[in-house]
């Protein structure tokens, strides 16, 4: 069962789950919670630690020890086969949060950074009920098609990312049939800058306004 830092307002009316990157932990993305809470005072924010400890004291969603300098489509497809246990764990967290706080799926966002972005995208896109949407931030690309739900998708990335190249955005969009909205931040490396956070906040607000 996933655990990690969270912010739960008195009467939450929406939820955002954020999945950290490889070797990090939930506290890393929880640093975004003050700004997100200012934008969405009634939103619960959950930043779970991934299930597998790493040698450096952080966590991983699935093993990345063999990640090459340049990952081709064959390797990325093989990589995705390691992700299902983590996806199931995130979906279990989604259900537990929904049941505990009475939040319907269409008010739950799932986002993630880098390795966590891949897990977040697949968790939301394959969840039994339609979620509010999913956010991939500098995410590993989706290269394997699946029975994906038709939900809003936002992909943010830096054009100077030297860990997960910006080409990952187009790879994921192609896998999703071009359905994802994208935001490319000029000069940003493997990170989440303020421009990305503004874009994410505006995108979420638009969805919530349309789904009371």
C-alpha atoms as a PDB file:
ATOM      1  CA  UNK A   1       0.000   0.000   0.000  1.00  0.00           C
ATOM      2  CA  UNK A   2       1.458   3.355  -1.063  1.00  0.00           C
ATOM      3  CA  UNK A   3       2.059   6.038   1.557  1.00  0.00           C
ATOM      4  CA  UNK A   4       3.645   9.458   1.517  1.00  0.00           C
ATOM      5  CA  UNK A   5       3.084  13.120   2.327  1.00  0.00           C
ATOM      6  CA  UNK A   6      -0.360  14.564   1.729  1.00  0.00           C
ATOM      7  CA  UNK A   7      -2.461  17.660   2.232  1.00  0.00           C
ATOM      8  CA  UNK A   8      -6.135  17.077   2.930  1.00  0.00           C
ATOM      9  CA  UNK A   9      -8.339  20.164   3.360  1.00  0.00           C
ATOM     10  CA  UNK A  10     -11.422  19.969   5.633  1.00  0.00           C
ATOM     11  CA  UNK A  11     -13.857  19.310   2.796  1.00  0.00           C
ATOM     12  CA  UNK A  12     -11.954  18.201  -0.322  1.00  0.00           C
ATOM     13  CA  UNK A  13     -13.836  18.423  -3.602  1.00  0.00           C
ATOM     14  CA  UNK A  14     -11.046  17.187  -5.899  1.00  0.00           C
ATOM     15  CA  UNK A  15      -7.787  15.249  -5.664  1.00  0.00           C
ATOM     16  CA  UNK A  16      -4.373  15.405  -7.284  1.00  0.00           C
ATOM     17  CA  UNK A  17      -1.993  12.446  -6.986  1.00  0.00           C
ATOM     18  CA  UNK A  18       1.622  13.145  -7.969  1.00  0.00           C
ATOM     19  CA  UNK A  19       4.131  10.355  -8.674  1.00  0.00           C
ATOM     20  CA  UNK A  20       7.788  11.320  -8.228  1.00  0.00           C
ATOM     21  CA  UNK A  21      10.696  10.444 -10.484  1.00  0.00           C
ATOM     22  CA  UNK A  22      13.273   7.678 -10.230  1.00  0.00           C
ATOM     23  CA  UNK A  23      15.374   7.711  -7.059  1.00  0.00           C
ATOM     24  CA  UNK A  24      13.339  10.474  -5.441  1.00  0.00           C
ATOM     25  CA  UNK A  25      10.428  10.387  -2.990  1.00  0.00           C
ATOM     26  CA  UNK A  26       6.982  11.851  -2.420  1.00  0.00           C
ATOM     27  CA  UNK A  27       8.359  14.827  -0.486  1.00  0.00           C
ATOM     28  CA  UNK A  28      10.044  16.074  -3.667  1.00  0.00           C
ATOM     29  CA  UNK A  29       6.793  16.769  -5.531  1.00  0.00           C
ATOM     30  CA  UNK A  30       5.019  17.690  -2.300  1.00  0.00           C
ATOM     31  CA  UNK A  31       7.087  20.878  -2.446  1.00  0.00           C
ATOM     32  CA  UNK A  32       4.611  21.986  -5.130  1.00  0.00           C
ATOM     33  CA  UNK A  33       1.659  21.689  -2.755  1.00  0.00           C
ATOM     34  CA  UNK A  34       1.696  25.243  -1.292  1.00  0.00           C
ATOM     35  CA  UNK A  35       1.312  26.835  -4.711  1.00  0.00           C
ATOM     36  CA  UNK A  36      -1.214  24.243  -5.851  1.00  0.00           C
ATOM     37  CA  UNK A  37      -3.227  24.690  -2.658  1.00  0.00           C
ATOM     38  CA  UNK A  38      -3.367  28.438  -3.222  1.00  0.00           C
ATOM     39  CA  UNK A  39      -4.872  27.791  -6.642  1.00  0.00           C
ATOM     40  CA  UNK A  40      -7.161  24.987  -5.429  1.00  0.00           C
ATOM     41  CA  UNK A  41      -7.934  25.437  -1.704  1.00  0.00           C
ATOM     42  CA  UNK A  42     -10.354  22.485  -1.616  1.00  0.00           C
ATOM     43  CA  UNK A  43      -8.100  20.024  -3.435  1.00  0.00           C
ATOM     44  CA  UNK A  44      -6.481  17.100  -1.652  1.00  0.00           C
ATOM     45  CA  UNK A  45      -2.875  16.496  -2.703  1.00  0.00           C
ATOM     46  CA  UNK A  46      -1.201  13.103  -2.313  1.00  0.00           C
ATOM     47  CA  UNK A  47       2.465  12.428  -3.128  1.00  0.00           C
ATOM     48  CA  UNK A  48       3.174   8.742  -2.496  1.00  0.00           C
ATOM     49  CA  UNK A  49       6.592   7.164  -2.263  1.00  0.00           C
ATOM     50  CA  UNK A  50       7.154   4.575  -4.987  1.00  0.00           C
ATOM     51  CA  UNK A  51       7.059   0.975  -3.721  1.00  0.00           C
ATOM     52  CA  UNK A  52      10.693  -0.052  -4.342  1.00  0.00           C
ATOM     53  CA  UNK A  53      13.635   1.445  -2.366  1.00  0.00           C
ATOM     54  CA  UNK A  54      16.761   2.407  -4.333  1.00  0.00           C
ATOM     55  CA  UNK A  55      20.404   2.242  -3.250  1.00  0.00           C
ATOM     56  CA  UNK A  56      20.572   6.008  -2.763  1.00  0.00           C
ATOM     57  CA  UNK A  57      17.793   6.125  -0.209  1.00  0.00           C
ATOM     58  CA  UNK A  58      15.031   7.093  -2.604  1.00  0.00           C
ATOM     59  CA  UNK A  59      12.428   4.989  -4.396  1.00  0.00           C
ATOM     60  CA  UNK A  60      11.619   3.696  -7.867  1.00  0.00           C
ATOM     61  CA  UNK A  61       8.367   2.611  -9.498  1.00  0.00           C
ATOM     62  CA  UNK A  62      10.144  -0.175 -11.386  1.00  0.00           C
ATOM     63  CA  UNK A  63      13.730  -1.109 -12.130  1.00  0.00           C
ATOM     64  CA  UNK A  64      15.777   1.249 -14.299  1.00  0.00           C
ATOM     65  CA  UNK A  65      19.292  -0.063 -13.624  1.00  0.00           C
ATOM     66  CA  UNK A  66      19.793  -0.930 -17.294  1.00  0.00           C
ATOM     67  CA  UNK A  67      18.584   2.397 -18.722  1.00  0.00           C
ATOM     68  CA  UNK A  68      20.815   3.175 -21.723  1.00  0.00           C
ATOM     69  CA  UNK A  69      22.226   6.521 -22.840  1.00  0.00           C
ATOM     70  CA  UNK A  70      19.829   6.388 -25.784  1.00  0.00           C
ATOM     71  CA  UNK A  71      16.637   4.384 -25.292  1.00  0.00           C
ATOM     72  CA  UNK A  72      15.058   3.080 -28.489  1.00  0.00           C
ATOM     73  CA  UNK A  73      11.443   2.020 -28.977  1.00  0.00           C
ATOM     74  CA  UNK A  74      12.233  -1.662 -28.409  1.00  0.00           C
ATOM     75  CA  UNK A  75      13.797  -0.952 -25.020  1.00  0.00           C
ATOM     76  CA  UNK A  76      10.994   1.444 -24.036  1.00  0.00           C
ATOM     77  CA  UNK A  77       8.352  -1.145 -24.896  1.00  0.00           C
ATOM     78  CA  UNK A  78      10.223  -3.687 -22.770  1.00  0.00           C
ATOM     79  CA  UNK A  79      10.438  -1.129 -19.990  1.00  0.00           C
ATOM     80  CA  UNK A  80       6.674  -0.629 -19.958  1.00  0.00           C
ATOM     81  CA  UNK A  81       6.224  -4.330 -19.191  1.00  0.00           C
ATOM     82  CA  UNK A  82       7.844  -3.691 -15.798  1.00  0.00           C
ATOM     83  CA  UNK A  83       5.327  -0.993 -14.865  1.00  0.00           C
ATOM     84  CA  UNK A  84       2.047  -2.903 -14.163  1.00  0.00           C
ATOM     85  CA  UNK A  85       2.686  -3.572 -10.426  1.00  0.00           C
ATOM     86  CA  UNK A  86       3.294   0.144  -9.873  1.00  0.00           C
ATOM     87  CA  UNK A  87       0.252   1.047 -11.965  1.00  0.00           C
ATOM     88  CA  UNK A  88      -1.918  -1.278  -9.885  1.00  0.00           C
ATOM     89  CA  UNK A  89      -0.551   0.303  -6.692  1.00  0.00           C
ATOM     90  CA  UNK A  90      -1.414   3.817  -7.887  1.00  0.00           C
ATOM     91  CA  UNK A  91      -4.884   2.730  -8.965  1.00  0.00           C
ATOM     92  CA  UNK A  92      -5.407   1.152  -5.535  1.00  0.00           C
ATOM     93  CA  UNK A  93      -4.454   4.494  -3.976  1.00  0.00           C
ATOM     94  CA  UNK A  94      -6.956   6.227  -6.254  1.00  0.00           C
ATOM     95  CA  UNK A  95      -9.722   3.914  -5.059  1.00  0.00           C
ATOM     96  CA  UNK A  96      -8.794   4.297  -1.400  1.00  0.00           C
ATOM     97  CA  UNK A  97      -8.775   8.085  -1.649  1.00  0.00           C
ATOM     98  CA  UNK A  98     -12.083   8.107  -3.520  1.00  0.00           C
ATOM     99  CA  UNK A  99     -13.740   5.889  -0.909  1.00  0.00           C
ATOM    100  CA  UNK A 100     -12.251   7.674   2.094  1.00  0.00           C
ATOM    101  CA  UNK A 101     -13.115  11.197   0.980  1.00  0.00           C
ATOM    102  CA  UNK A 102     -16.121  10.678  -1.261  1.00  0.00           C
ATOM    103  CA  UNK A 103     -14.368  12.069  -4.345  1.00  0.00           C
ATOM    104  CA  UNK A 104     -15.700  10.691  -7.656  1.00  0.00           C
ATOM    105  CA  UNK A 105     -13.204   9.579 -10.284  1.00  0.00           C
ATOM    106  CA  UNK A 106     -14.043  12.523 -12.535  1.00  0.00           C
ATOM    107  CA  UNK A 107     -12.590  14.831  -9.848  1.00  0.00           C
ATOM    108  CA  UNK A 108      -9.292  12.921  -9.512  1.00  0.00           C
ATOM    109  CA  UNK A 109      -6.176  14.000 -11.409  1.00  0.00           C
ATOM    110  CA  UNK A 110      -3.076  11.820 -11.624  1.00  0.00           C
ATOM    111  CA  UNK A 111       0.263  13.309 -12.554  1.00  0.00           C
ATOM    112  CA  UNK A 112       3.871  12.278 -12.456  1.00  0.00           C
ATOM    113  CA  UNK A 113       7.426  13.299 -13.245  1.00  0.00           C
ATOM    114  CA  UNK A 114       9.847  11.301 -15.424  1.00  0.00           C
ATOM    115  CA  UNK A 115       9.482   7.614 -14.460  1.00  0.00           C
ATOM    116  CA  UNK A 116       6.492   8.562 -12.316  1.00  0.00           C
ATOM    117  CA  UNK A 117       4.991  10.285 -15.338  1.00  0.00           C
ATOM    118  CA  UNK A 118       4.818   7.032 -17.262  1.00  0.00           C
ATOM    119  CA  UNK A 119       3.158   5.305 -14.289  1.00  0.00           C
ATOM    120  CA  UNK A 120       0.711   8.172 -13.749  1.00  0.00           C
ATOM    121  CA  UNK A 121      -0.338   8.275 -17.395  1.00  0.00           C
ATOM    122  CA  UNK A 122      -1.020   4.552 -17.577  1.00  0.00           C
ATOM    123  CA  UNK A 123      -2.746   4.483 -14.189  1.00  0.00           C
ATOM    124  CA  UNK A 124      -5.195   7.209 -15.192  1.00  0.00           C
ATOM    125  CA  UNK A 125      -5.665   6.093 -18.803  1.00  0.00           C
ATOM    126  CA  UNK A 126      -6.525   2.507 -17.802  1.00  0.00           C
ATOM    127  CA  UNK A 127      -8.494   3.203 -14.612  1.00  0.00           C
ATOM    128  CA  UNK A 128     -11.954   1.533 -14.662  1.00  0.00           C
ATOM    129  CA  UNK A 129     -13.716   4.907 -14.308  1.00  0.00           C
ATOM    130  CA  UNK A 130     -12.994   8.111 -16.212  1.00  0.00           C
ATOM    131  CA  UNK A 131     -10.751  10.380 -14.200  1.00  0.00           C
ATOM    132  CA  UNK A 132     -10.464  14.158 -14.454  1.00  0.00           C
ATOM    133  CA  UNK A 133      -7.251  13.797 -16.429  1.00  0.00           C
ATOM    134  CA  UNK A 134      -3.562  12.951 -16.286  1.00  0.00           C
ATOM    135  CA  UNK A 135      -0.352  14.952 -16.451  1.00  0.00           C
ATOM    136  CA  UNK A 136       3.007  13.723 -17.687  1.00  0.00           C
ATOM    137  CA  UNK A 137       5.838  16.040 -16.620  1.00  0.00           C
ATOM    138  CA  UNK A 138       9.114  15.303 -18.436  1.00  0.00           C
ATOM    139  CA  UNK A 139       7.675  11.804 -18.597  1.00  0.00           C
ATOM    140  CA  UNK A 140       9.133   8.667 -20.078  1.00  0.00           C
ATOM    141  CA  UNK A 141       7.214   8.101 -23.318  1.00  0.00           C
ATOM    142  CA  UNK A 142       4.275   5.810 -23.872  1.00  0.00           C
ATOM    143  CA  UNK A 143       5.156   3.622 -26.841  1.00  0.00           C
ATOM    144  CA  UNK A 144       2.765   0.705 -26.341  1.00  0.00           C
ATOM    145  CA  UNK A 145      -0.873   1.270 -27.263  1.00  0.00           C
ATOM    146  CA  UNK A 146      -3.609   0.040 -24.973  1.00  0.00           C
ATOM    147  CA  UNK A 147      -7.297   0.321 -24.175  1.00  0.00           C
ATOM    148  CA  UNK A 148      -6.964   3.897 -23.023  1.00  0.00           C
ATOM    149  CA  UNK A 149      -9.870   5.941 -21.730  1.00  0.00           C
ATOM    150  CA  UNK A 150     -10.688   9.164 -23.543  1.00  0.00           C
ATOM    151  CA  UNK A 151      -9.645  11.607 -20.819  1.00  0.00           C
ATOM    152  CA  UNK A 152      -7.742  14.904 -20.922  1.00  0.00           C
ATOM    153  CA  UNK A 153      -3.957  14.529 -21.073  1.00  0.00           C
ATOM    154  CA  UNK A 154      -1.356  17.246 -20.580  1.00  0.00           C
ATOM    155  CA  UNK A 155       2.316  16.692 -21.361  1.00  0.00           C
ATOM    156  CA  UNK A 156       4.891  19.245 -20.169  1.00  0.00           C
ATOM    157  CA  UNK A 157       8.547  19.015 -21.090  1.00  0.00           C
ATOM    158  CA  UNK A 158      11.668  21.120 -21.445  1.00  0.00           C
ATOM    159  CA  UNK A 159      13.339  21.471 -24.817  1.00  0.00           C
ATOM    160  CA  UNK A 160      16.738  21.219 -23.051  1.00  0.00           C
ATOM    161  CA  UNK A 161      15.962  17.936 -21.256  1.00  0.00           C
ATOM    162  CA  UNK A 162      19.046  15.716 -21.492  1.00  0.00           C
ATOM    163  CA  UNK A 163      17.562  12.859 -19.392  1.00  0.00           C
ATOM    164  CA  UNK A 164      14.284  12.218 -21.209  1.00  0.00           C
ATOM    165  CA  UNK A 165      14.550  13.984 -24.585  1.00  0.00           C
ATOM    166  CA  UNK A 166      11.678  16.243 -25.608  1.00  0.00           C
ATOM    167  CA  UNK A 167      10.927  13.808 -28.447  1.00  0.00           C
ATOM    168  CA  UNK A 168       9.167  11.745 -25.768  1.00  0.00           C
ATOM    169  CA  UNK A 169       6.230  14.161 -26.020  1.00  0.00           C
ATOM    170  CA  UNK A 170       5.582  13.359 -29.664  1.00  0.00           C
ATOM    171  CA  UNK A 171       6.054   9.635 -29.047  1.00  0.00           C
ATOM    172  CA  UNK A 172       3.374   9.691 -26.355  1.00  0.00           C
ATOM    173  CA  UNK A 173       1.041  11.841 -28.447  1.00  0.00           C
ATOM    174  CA  UNK A 174       1.393   9.405 -31.327  1.00  0.00           C
ATOM    175  CA  UNK A 175       0.605   6.443 -29.058  1.00  0.00           C
ATOM    176  CA  UNK A 176      -2.485   8.311 -27.834  1.00  0.00           C
ATOM    177  CA  UNK A 177      -3.618   9.169 -31.346  1.00  0.00           C
ATOM    178  CA  UNK A 178      -2.651  12.818 -31.028  1.00  0.00           C
ATOM    179  CA  UNK A 179      -5.089  13.448 -28.169  1.00  0.00           C
ATOM    180  CA  UNK A 180      -2.668  14.987 -25.664  1.00  0.00           C
ATOM    181  CA  UNK A 181      -2.229  18.696 -25.067  1.00  0.00           C
ATOM    182  CA  UNK A 182       1.436  19.707 -24.843  1.00  0.00           C
ATOM    183  CA  UNK A 183       3.480  22.482 -23.308  1.00  0.00           C
ATOM    184  CA  UNK A 184       7.193  22.805 -24.109  1.00  0.00           C
ATOM    185  CA  UNK A 185       9.140  25.108 -21.814  1.00  0.00           C
ATOM    186  CA  UNK A 186      12.065  26.813 -23.593  1.00  0.00           C
ATOM    187  CA  UNK A 187      15.444  26.204 -21.980  1.00  0.00           C
ATOM    188  CA  UNK A 188      14.086  23.893 -19.273  1.00  0.00           C
ATOM    189  CA  UNK A 189      16.099  20.765 -18.516  1.00  0.00           C
ATOM    190  CA  UNK A 190      14.720  17.705 -16.663  1.00  0.00           C
ATOM    191  CA  UNK A 191      12.564  19.679 -14.269  1.00  0.00           C
ATOM    192  CA  UNK A 192       9.242  21.384 -13.539  1.00  0.00           C
ATOM    193  CA  UNK A 193       9.575  25.146 -13.823  1.00  0.00           C
ATOM    194  CA  UNK A 194       7.099  27.880 -12.926  1.00  0.00           C
ATOM    195  CA  UNK A 195       5.895  28.131 -16.521  1.00  0.00           C
ATOM    196  CA  UNK A 196       4.962  24.436 -16.447  1.00  0.00           C
ATOM    197  CA  UNK A 197       3.228  24.828 -13.097  1.00  0.00           C
ATOM    198  CA  UNK A 198       1.183  27.756 -14.412  1.00  0.00           C
ATOM    199  CA  UNK A 199       0.194  25.705 -17.453  1.00  0.00           C
ATOM    200  CA  UNK A 200      -0.803  22.735 -15.284  1.00  0.00           C
ATOM    201  CA  UNK A 201      -2.832  24.921 -12.941  1.00  0.00           C
ATOM    202  CA  UNK A 202      -4.728  26.614 -15.777  1.00  0.00           C
ATOM    203  CA  UNK A 203      -5.383  23.258 -17.479  1.00  0.00           C
ATOM    204  CA  UNK A 204      -6.750  21.721 -14.273  1.00  0.00           C
ATOM    205  CA  UNK A 205      -8.912  24.764 -13.546  1.00  0.00           C
ATOM    206  CA  UNK A 206     -10.486  24.588 -16.990  1.00  0.00           C
ATOM    207  CA  UNK A 207     -11.367  20.922 -16.493  1.00  0.00           C
ATOM    208  CA  UNK A 208     -12.793  21.454 -13.003  1.00  0.00           C
ATOM    209  CA  UNK A 209     -14.877  24.406 -14.184  1.00  0.00           C
ATOM    210  CA  UNK A 210     -16.441  22.160 -16.826  1.00  0.00           C
ATOM    211  CA  UNK A 211     -17.101  19.272 -14.404  1.00  0.00           C
ATOM    212  CA  UNK A 212     -18.821  20.527 -11.241  1.00  0.00           C
END
